[in-house]
C-alpha atoms as a PDB file:
ATOM      1  CA  MET A   1      -0.149   0.134  -0.129  1.00  0.00           C
ATOM      2  CA  ILE A   2       1.369   3.398  -1.034  1.00  0.00           C
ATOM      3  CA  LEU A   3       0.452   5.507   1.884  1.00  0.00           C
ATOM      4  CA  ALA A   4      -0.286   9.381   0.684  1.00  0.00           C
ATOM      5  CA  LEU A   5       1.871  10.215   3.486  1.00  0.00           C
ATOM      6  CA  GLY A   6      -0.333  13.056   2.854  1.00  0.00           C
ATOM      7  CA  PHE A   7      -1.421  12.403   7.102  1.00  0.00           C
ATOM      8  CA  GLY A   8       6.219  17.188  28.280  1.00  0.00           C
ATOM      9  CA  MET A   9       7.377  16.382  30.483  1.00  0.00           C
ATOM     10  CA  PHE A  10       4.385  17.366  32.570  1.00  0.00           C
ATOM     11  CA  ALA A  11       4.892  19.352  35.579  1.00  0.00           C
ATOM     12  CA  LEU A  12       2.411  21.142  37.988  1.00  0.00           C
ATOM     13  CA  PRO A  13       2.550  24.455  37.556  1.00  0.00           C
ATOM     14  CA  ALA A  14       3.130  26.778  40.488  1.00  0.00           C
ATOM     15  CA  ALA A  15       0.373  28.716  42.139  1.00  0.00           C
ATOM     16  CA  GLY A  16      -0.640  31.900  40.176  1.00  0.00           C
ATOM     17  CA  GLN A  17       1.103  30.374  36.907  1.00  0.00           C
ATOM     18  CA  THR A  18      -0.224  29.136  33.842  1.00  0.00           C
ATOM     19  CA  GLN A  19       1.168  25.918  32.419  1.00  0.00           C
ATOM     20  CA  LEU A  20       1.206  25.871  28.602  1.00  0.00           C
ATOM     21  CA  ALA A  21       1.043  22.593  26.841  1.00  0.00           C
ATOM     22  CA  LEU A  22       3.896  21.777  24.384  1.00  0.00           C
ATOM     23  CA  SER A  23       1.665  21.892  21.507  1.00  0.00           C
ATOM     24  CA  GLU A  24       0.789  25.527  22.497  1.00  0.00           C
ATOM     25  CA  ILE A  25       3.703  27.038  20.703  1.00  0.00           C
ATOM     26  CA  LYS A  26       3.606  30.494  19.028  1.00  0.00           C
ATOM     27  CA  THR A  27       3.317  30.960  15.483  1.00  0.00           C
ATOM     28  CA  PRO A  28       6.111  32.769  13.527  1.00  0.00           C
ATOM     29  CA  GLU A  29       4.962  36.115  12.277  1.00  0.00           C
ATOM     30  CA  VAL A  30       4.737  36.109   8.507  1.00  0.00           C
ATOM     31  CA  PRO A  31       4.876  39.585   6.853  1.00  0.00           C
ATOM     32  CA  SER A  32       2.053  40.050   4.297  1.00  0.00           C
ATOM     33  CA  GLY A  33       2.700  43.429   2.999  1.00  0.00           C
ATOM     34  CA  GLU A  34      -1.066  44.127   3.019  1.00  0.00           C
ATOM     35  CA  GLU A  35      -2.844  46.660   5.272  1.00  0.00           C
ATOM     36  CA  VAL A  36      -4.605  45.059   8.120  1.00  0.00           C
ATOM     37  CA  SER A  37      -8.136  46.323   9.225  1.00  0.00           C
ATOM     38  CA  ASP A  38      -9.187  46.633  12.899  1.00  0.00           C
ATOM     39  CA  ASP A  39     -12.658  45.341  11.649  1.00  0.00           C
ATOM     40  CA  PRO A  40     -12.523  41.498  12.761  1.00  0.00           C
ATOM     41  CA  ALA A  41     -14.884  40.801   9.815  1.00  0.00           C
ATOM     42  CA  GLU A  42     -12.622  42.181   7.227  1.00  0.00           C
ATOM     43  CA  LYS A  43      -9.526  40.152   8.433  1.00  0.00           C
ATOM     44  CA  SER A  44      -8.438  37.426   6.118  1.00  0.00           C
ATOM     45  CA  GLU A  45      -7.461  33.962   7.582  1.00  0.00           C
ATOM     46  CA  PRO A  46      -3.556  33.868   8.268  1.00  0.00           C
ATOM     47  CA  GLU A  47      -1.131  31.852   5.940  1.00  0.00           C
ATOM     48  CA  THR A  48       0.721  29.355   7.982  1.00  0.00           C
ATOM     49  CA  GLY A  49       3.394  26.992   7.160  1.00  0.00           C
ATOM     50  CA  VAL A  50       3.095  24.934  10.527  1.00  0.00           C
ATOM     51  CA  PRO A  51      -0.239  25.401  11.786  1.00  0.00           C
ATOM     52  CA  MET A  52      -0.007  26.286  15.581  1.00  0.00           C
ATOM     53  CA  PRO A  53      -2.365  26.853  18.227  1.00  0.00           C
ATOM     54  CA  ASP A  54      -2.372  30.423  19.804  1.00  0.00           C
ATOM     55  CA  PRO A  55      -0.285  30.319  23.122  1.00  0.00           C
ATOM     56  CA  VAL A  56      -3.280  31.595  25.170  1.00  0.00           C
ATOM     57  CA  GLU A  57      -6.557  30.522  23.236  1.00  0.00           C
ATOM     58  CA  ARG A  58      -6.401  27.514  20.889  1.00  0.00           C
ATOM     59  CA  ALA A  59      -7.585  28.102  17.427  1.00  0.00           C
ATOM     60  CA  PRO A  60     -10.042  25.372  15.955  1.00  0.00           C
ATOM     61  CA  LEU A  61      -8.418  22.546  14.242  1.00  0.00           C
ATOM     62  CA  PRO A  62      -8.993  22.693  10.294  1.00  0.00           C
ATOM     63  CA  ALA A  63     -11.059  20.406   8.430  1.00  0.00           C
ATOM     64  CA  PRO A  64      -9.099  17.632   6.713  1.00  0.00           C
ATOM     65  CA  GLU A  65      -8.454  18.187   3.070  1.00  0.00           C
ATOM     66  CA  MET A  66      -7.250  15.846   0.565  1.00  0.00           C
ATOM     67  CA  GLU A  67      -6.737  16.540  -3.140  1.00  0.00           C
ATOM     68  CA  VAL A  68      -8.342  13.436  -5.066  1.00  0.00           C
ATOM     69  CA  PRO A  69      -7.421  12.778  -8.570  1.00  0.00           C
ATOM     70  CA  ASP A  70      -9.681  11.682 -11.456  1.00  0.00           C
ATOM     71  CA  ASP A  71      -9.345   7.834 -10.662  1.00  0.00           C
ATOM     72  CA  GLY A  72     -10.884   8.794  -7.093  1.00  0.00           C
ATOM     73  CA  GLN A  73      -7.665   7.489  -5.255  1.00  0.00           C
ATOM     74  CA  PRO A  74      -5.728   9.766  -3.140  1.00  0.00           C
ATOM     75  CA  GLY A  75      -2.773  10.796  -4.708  1.00  0.00           C
ATOM     76  CA  GLU A  76       1.174  10.584  -4.034  1.00  0.00           C
ATOM     77  CA  GLY A  77       1.985  13.532  -1.591  1.00  0.00           C
ATOM     78  CA  ASP A  78       5.046  14.748   0.325  1.00  0.00           C
ATOM     79  CA  PRO A  79       6.350  12.247   2.844  1.00  0.00           C
ATOM     80  CA  ALA A  80       5.649  14.663   5.801  1.00  0.00           C
ATOM     81  CA  ASP A  81       1.774  14.775   4.592  1.00  0.00           C
ATOM     82  CA  LEU A  82      -0.830  13.090   6.912  1.00  0.00           C
ATOM     83  CA  PRO A  83      -1.401   9.596   5.338  1.00  0.00           C
ATOM     84  CA  HIS A  84      -4.508   8.155   4.085  1.00  0.00           C
ATOM     85  CA  VAL A  85      -5.244   5.167   6.527  1.00  0.00           C
ATOM     86  CA  ASP A  86      -7.398   2.480   5.048  1.00  0.00           C
ATOM     87  CA  LEU A  87      -9.328   1.025   8.058  1.00  0.00           C
ATOM     88  CA  ASP A  88     -10.052  -2.011   5.998  1.00  0.00           C
ATOM     89  CA  GLU A  89      -6.365  -2.713   5.587  1.00  0.00           C
ATOM     90  CA  PRO A  90      -3.645  -3.888   8.168  1.00  0.00           C
ATOM     91  CA  LEU A  91      -2.360  -1.023  10.007  1.00  0.00           C
ATOM     92  CA  PRO A  92       1.639  -0.410  10.270  1.00  0.00           C
ATOM     93  CA  GLU A  93       3.471  -2.267  13.014  1.00  0.00           C
ATOM     94  CA  VAL A  94       4.351  -0.271  15.917  1.00  0.00           C
ATOM     95  CA  ILE A  95       8.054  -0.487  16.814  1.00  0.00           C
ATOM     96  CA  HIS A  96       9.864   0.261  19.772  1.00  0.00           C
ATOM     97  CA  ASP A  97      12.770  -1.959  19.184  1.00  0.00           C
ATOM     98  CA  LEU A  98      15.590   0.455  18.099  1.00  0.00           C
ATOM     99  CA  SER A  99      17.646  -2.491  16.710  1.00  0.00           C
ATOM    100  CA  ARG A 100      15.504  -2.918  13.988  1.00  0.00           C
ATOM    101  CA  LEU A 101      16.544   0.424  12.510  1.00  0.00           C
ATOM    102  CA  PRO A 102      19.098   0.426   9.875  1.00  0.00           C
ATOM    103  CA  GLU A 103      22.366   1.491  11.307  1.00  0.00           C
ATOM    104  CA  PRO A 104      22.237   5.135   9.478  1.00  0.00           C
ATOM    105  CA  THR A 105      18.726   5.718  10.737  1.00  0.00           C
ATOM    106  CA  ARG A 106      19.693   4.765  14.194  1.00  0.00           C
ATOM    107  CA  ARG A 107      22.616   6.949  14.108  1.00  0.00           C
ATOM    108  CA  MET A 108      20.889  10.140  13.000  1.00  0.00           C
ATOM    109  CA  ARG A 109      18.005   9.493  15.371  1.00  0.00           C
ATOM    110  CA  GLN A 110      20.880   9.430  18.357  1.00  0.00           C
ATOM    111  CA  LEU A 111      22.649  12.311  16.858  1.00  0.00           C
ATOM    112  CA  ILE A 112      19.405  14.499  16.941  1.00  0.00           C
ATOM    113  CA  ILE A 113      18.424  13.511  20.427  1.00  0.00           C
ATOM    114  CA  GLU A 114      21.925  14.278  21.765  1.00  0.00           C
ATOM    115  CA  ALA A 115      21.673  17.688  20.414  1.00  0.00           C
ATOM    116  CA  CYS A 116      18.217  18.501  21.853  1.00  0.00           C
ATOM    117  CA  ARG A 117      19.532  17.262  25.296  1.00  0.00           C
ATOM    118  CA  LYS A 118      22.307  20.032  25.041  1.00  0.00           C
ATOM    119  CA  GLY A 119      19.486  22.568  24.652  1.00  0.00           C
ATOM    120  CA  ASP A 120      21.114  24.473  21.766  1.00  0.00           C
ATOM    121  CA  LEU A 121      19.460  24.585  18.434  1.00  0.00           C
ATOM    122  CA  GLU A 122      22.704  25.219  16.879  1.00  0.00           C
ATOM    123  CA  GLY A 123      23.522  21.643  17.417  1.00  0.00           C
ATOM    124  CA  LEU A 124      20.872  20.678  15.056  1.00  0.00           C
ATOM    125  CA  ARG A 125      22.391  22.654  12.061  1.00  0.00           C
ATOM    126  CA  PRO A 126      24.919  20.026  10.665  1.00  0.00           C
ATOM    127  CA  LEU A 127      21.881  17.457  10.781  1.00  0.00           C
ATOM    128  CA  ILE A 128      19.592  19.408   9.018  1.00  0.00           C
ATOM    129  CA  GLY A 129      21.354  19.683   5.876  1.00  0.00           C
ATOM    130  CA  MET A 130      21.322  22.049   2.902  1.00  0.00           C
ATOM    131  CA  GLY A 131      19.869  22.477  -0.430  1.00  0.00           C
ATOM    132  CA  ALA A 132      17.416  20.123  -1.859  1.00  0.00           C
ATOM    133  CA  SER A 133      18.319  17.478   0.796  1.00  0.00           C
ATOM    134  CA  ALA A 134      17.617  19.828   3.776  1.00  0.00           C
ATOM    135  CA  THR A 135      15.224  18.606   6.334  1.00  0.00           C
ATOM    136  CA  GLN A 136      11.834  19.841   5.658  1.00  0.00           C
ATOM    137  CA  LEU A 137      10.772  22.018   8.621  1.00  0.00           C
ATOM    138  CA  SER A 138       7.341  23.612   7.326  1.00  0.00           C
ATOM    139  CA  LEU A 139       4.739  21.890   4.986  1.00  0.00           C
ATOM    140  CA  GLY A 140       4.443  25.259   3.401  1.00  0.00           C
ATOM    141  CA  GLY A 141       8.312  25.463   3.011  1.00  0.00           C
ATOM    142  CA  ILE A 142      10.243  28.322   4.827  1.00  0.00           C
ATOM    143  CA  GLU A 143      12.615  31.348   3.739  1.00  0.00           C
ATOM    144  CA  GLY A 144      15.844  32.255   5.464  1.00  0.00           C
ATOM    145  CA  ASP A 145      17.735  30.355   8.128  1.00  0.00           C
ATOM    146  CA  PRO A 146      16.197  27.024   9.307  1.00  0.00           C
ATOM    147  CA  ILE A 147      17.660  27.678  12.925  1.00  0.00           C
ATOM    148  CA  ASP A 148      16.245  31.014  12.915  1.00  0.00           C
ATOM    149  CA  PHE A 149      12.710  29.518  11.952  1.00  0.00           C
ATOM    150  CA  LEU A 150      12.977  26.929  14.665  1.00  0.00           C
ATOM    151  CA  HIS A 151      13.355  29.826  17.200  1.00  0.00           C
ATOM    152  CA  GLU A 152      10.640  31.629  15.949  1.00  0.00           C
ATOM    153  CA  ILE A 153       8.196  28.504  16.350  1.00  0.00           C
ATOM    154  CA  SER A 154       9.491  27.717  19.901  1.00  0.00           C
ATOM    155  CA  GLY A 155       7.247  29.128  22.579  1.00  0.00           C
ATOM    156  CA  ASP A 156      10.377  30.146  24.672  1.00  0.00           C
ATOM    157  CA  GLY A 157      12.853  32.555  23.998  1.00  0.00           C
ATOM    158  CA  ASP A 158      15.701  30.230  23.440  1.00  0.00           C
ATOM    159  CA  GLY A 159      14.391  27.224  21.269  1.00  0.00           C
ATOM    160  CA  GLN A 160      14.363  24.901  24.257  1.00  0.00           C
ATOM    161  CA  GLU A 161      10.373  24.208  23.827  1.00  0.00           C
ATOM    162  CA  ILE A 162      10.696  22.830  20.513  1.00  0.00           C
ATOM    163  CA  LEU A 163      13.777  20.877  21.269  1.00  0.00           C
ATOM    164  CA  ALA A 164      11.809  19.177  24.131  1.00  0.00           C
ATOM    165  CA  ILE A 165       8.880  18.388  21.320  1.00  0.00           C
ATOM    166  CA  LEU A 166      11.526  16.811  18.997  1.00  0.00           C
ATOM    167  CA  LEU A 167      13.208  15.019  21.745  1.00  0.00           C
ATOM    168  CA  GLU A 168       9.720  13.625  22.864  1.00  0.00           C
ATOM    169  CA  VAL A 169       8.599  12.765  19.467  1.00  0.00           C
ATOM    170  CA  LEU A 170      12.017  10.629  18.832  1.00  0.00           C
ATOM    171  CA  GLU A 171      11.423   8.960  21.930  1.00  0.00           C
ATOM    172  CA  ALA A 172       8.174   7.468  20.969  1.00  0.00           C
ATOM    173  CA  GLY A 173       7.522   4.313  19.246  1.00  0.00           C
ATOM    174  CA  PHE A 174       7.619   4.583  15.432  1.00  0.00           C
ATOM    175  CA  VAL A 175       6.366   2.945  12.093  1.00  0.00           C
ATOM    176  CA  HIS A 176       8.369   1.881   9.044  1.00  0.00           C
ATOM    177  CA  LEU A 177       6.364   3.059   6.123  1.00  0.00           C
ATOM    178  CA  GLU A 178       6.768   2.580   2.119  1.00  0.00           C
ATOM    179  CA  ALA A 179       9.360  -0.423   2.657  1.00  0.00           C
ATOM    180  CA  GLY A 180      11.256  -1.089  -0.462  1.00  0.00           C
ATOM    181  CA  THR A 181      10.105   2.055  -2.426  1.00  0.00           C
ATOM    182  CA  PRO A 182      11.801   5.348  -2.962  1.00  0.00           C
ATOM    183  CA  ASN A 183       9.744   6.932  -0.120  1.00  0.00           C
ATOM    184  CA  GLU A 184      10.617   4.497   2.246  1.00  0.00           C
ATOM    185  CA  VAL A 185      10.833   5.944   5.682  1.00  0.00           C
ATOM    186  CA  TYR A 186      10.883   5.688   9.567  1.00  0.00           C
ATOM    187  CA  VAL A 187       8.482   7.878  11.192  1.00  0.00           C
ATOM    188  CA  TRP A 188       8.098   9.142  14.819  1.00  0.00           C
ATOM    189  CA  PRO A 189       5.532   9.058  16.536  1.00  0.00           C
ATOM    190  CA  TYR A 190       3.669   5.970  15.329  1.00  0.00           C
ATOM    191  CA  PHE A 191       0.296   7.893  15.893  1.00  0.00           C
ATOM    192  CA  PHE A 192       1.082   9.696  12.704  1.00  0.00           C
ATOM    193  CA  ALA A 193      -0.059   6.193  11.002  1.00  0.00           C
ATOM    194  CA  VAL A 194      -2.350   4.810  13.562  1.00  0.00           C
ATOM    195  CA  PRO A 195      -6.090   5.945  13.851  1.00  0.00           C
ATOM    196  CA  LEU A 196      -6.468   7.514  17.386  1.00  0.00           C
ATOM    197  CA  GLU A 197      -9.336   5.566  18.065  1.00  0.00           C
ATOM    198  CA  ARG A 198      -7.434   2.337  17.949  1.00  0.00           C
ATOM    199  CA  LEU A 199      -4.929   3.497  20.498  1.00  0.00           C
ATOM    200  CA  ASP A 200      -5.031   1.257  23.972  1.00  0.00           C
ATOM    201  CA  ALA A 201      -4.724   2.880  27.363  1.00  0.00           C
ATOM    202  CA  PRO A 202      -0.922   2.381  27.280  1.00  0.00           C
ATOM    203  CA  GLN A 203      -0.586   3.992  23.776  1.00  0.00           C
ATOM    204  CA  ARG A 204      -2.658   6.825  25.090  1.00  0.00           C
ATOM    205  CA  VAL A 205      -0.434   7.375  27.887  1.00  0.00           C
ATOM    206  CA  GLU A 206       2.575   7.702  25.395  1.00  0.00           C
ATOM    207  CA  LEU A 207       0.384  10.025  23.426  1.00  0.00           C
ATOM    208  CA  PHE A 208      -0.209  12.306  26.395  1.00  0.00           C
ATOM    209  CA  LYS A 209       3.657  12.739  26.665  1.00  0.00           C
ATOM    210  CA  ILE A 210       3.424  14.697  23.513  1.00  0.00           C
ATOM    211  CA  VAL A 211       0.279  16.209  23.546  1.00  0.00           C
ATOM    212  CA  THR A 212      -2.662  17.451  26.132  1.00  0.00           C
ATOM    213  CA  ALA A 213      -5.918  15.768  26.458  1.00  0.00           C
ATOM    214  CA  GLY A 214      -7.480  18.720  24.951  1.00  0.00           C
ATOM    215  CA  ASP A 215      -5.268  18.148  21.753  1.00  0.00           C
ATOM    216  CA  TYR A 216      -6.244  14.638  21.527  1.00  0.00           C
ATOM    217  CA  GLN A 217      -9.807  15.459  21.652  1.00  0.00           C
ATOM    218  CA  ASP A 218      -9.248  18.142  18.972  1.00  0.00           C
ATOM    219  CA  MET A 219      -7.451  15.480  16.840  1.00  0.00           C
ATOM    220  CA  LYS A 220     -10.076  12.965  17.371  1.00  0.00           C
ATOM    221  CA  THR A 221     -12.535  15.450  15.818  1.00  0.00           C
ATOM    222  CA  TYR A 222     -10.194  16.123  13.091  1.00  0.00           C
ATOM    223  CA  GLY A 223      -9.693  12.647  12.309  1.00  0.00           C
ATOM    224  CA  ALA A 224      -5.689  12.101  12.630  1.00  0.00           C
ATOM    225  CA  TYR A 225      -2.779  12.926  14.763  1.00  0.00           C
ATOM    226  CA  ASN A 226      -1.387  16.194  13.446  1.00  0.00           C
ATOM    227  CA  PHE A 227       1.138  17.490  15.861  1.00  0.00           C
ATOM    228  CA  TYR A 228       5.005  17.164  15.210  1.00  0.00           C
ATOM    229  CA  ARG A 229       6.271  14.094  13.500  1.00  0.00           C
ATOM    230  CA  ALA A 230       9.810  13.276  12.181  1.00  0.00           C
ATOM    231  CA  GLY A 231      11.021  11.149   9.371  1.00  0.00           C
ATOM    232  CA  ILE A 232      14.376   9.437   8.945  1.00  0.00           C
ATOM    233  CA  THR A 233      15.481   7.564   5.631  1.00  0.00           C
ATOM    234  CA  PRO A 234      17.013   4.052   5.693  1.00  0.00           C
ATOM    235  CA  ASP A 235      19.943   5.820   4.439  1.00  0.00           C
ATOM    236  CA  GLY A 236      19.974   8.166   7.527  1.00  0.00           C
ATOM    237  CA  GLU A 237      18.781  11.626   6.057  1.00  0.00           C
ATOM    238  CA  TRP A 238      16.635  13.301   8.335  1.00  0.00           C
ATOM    239  CA  VAL A 239      13.848  14.327   5.658  1.00  0.00           C
ATOM    240  CA  PHE A 240      11.077  16.271   7.861  1.00  0.00           C
ATOM    241  CA  PHE A 241      10.152  17.605  11.192  1.00  0.00           C
ATOM    242  CA  VAL A 242       6.956  19.069  10.868  1.00  0.00           C
ATOM    243  CA  ALA A 243       3.539  19.709  12.140  1.00  0.00           C
ATOM    244  CA  GLY A 244       0.085  20.458  10.716  1.00  0.00           C
ATOM    245  CA  ASP A 245      -1.947  18.438   7.902  1.00  0.00           C
END
């Protein structure tokens, strides 16, 4: 089956403080070059590369969209896109055994984790790559320096929040998708390719290490996990780290 791959640790807040979920990260400002009206009715919807909830008030999740070609079957999409999951077909195997990863994939995952634990976004720079092989950090593409972009989408001022999200994602179970094809990739977390309604209690605990219960309910309404996911090829290329649909 060719998937159209077109699918934080919690701490009690101190008194008087508001604990924000990892998913509640700020959206980078995108200059539009257009005058913005004070009338809410005249404001157009903002363009976003990586849809992020408002840090104080969550925005509603978008309705799922899928471009369907004339044959009525989902078309091929970007490897980072939400996959089309056919509930009548066997679901991808959920894997936790890292020994089942190819050595280059396992090595890249470990390098990313080590960089995250150091708390410095610059540690990711040599892993992200450049040019056509650069890691995709936004479904809509980015302009400028990728590390600056990660700083902007992180809820704190230094980028530690986005590093924490990436760390939690890579420490979850994973799935092996499109085996034997040019699109073959290992994707974390496995929720990316498994229907949320099929998660058992231990798997939901694993999910709640990454998102809040409120996020989970929103995703069930939407129909799929659409928070951050990361993909690494069998050759050890870090192909994407994105959120959204």
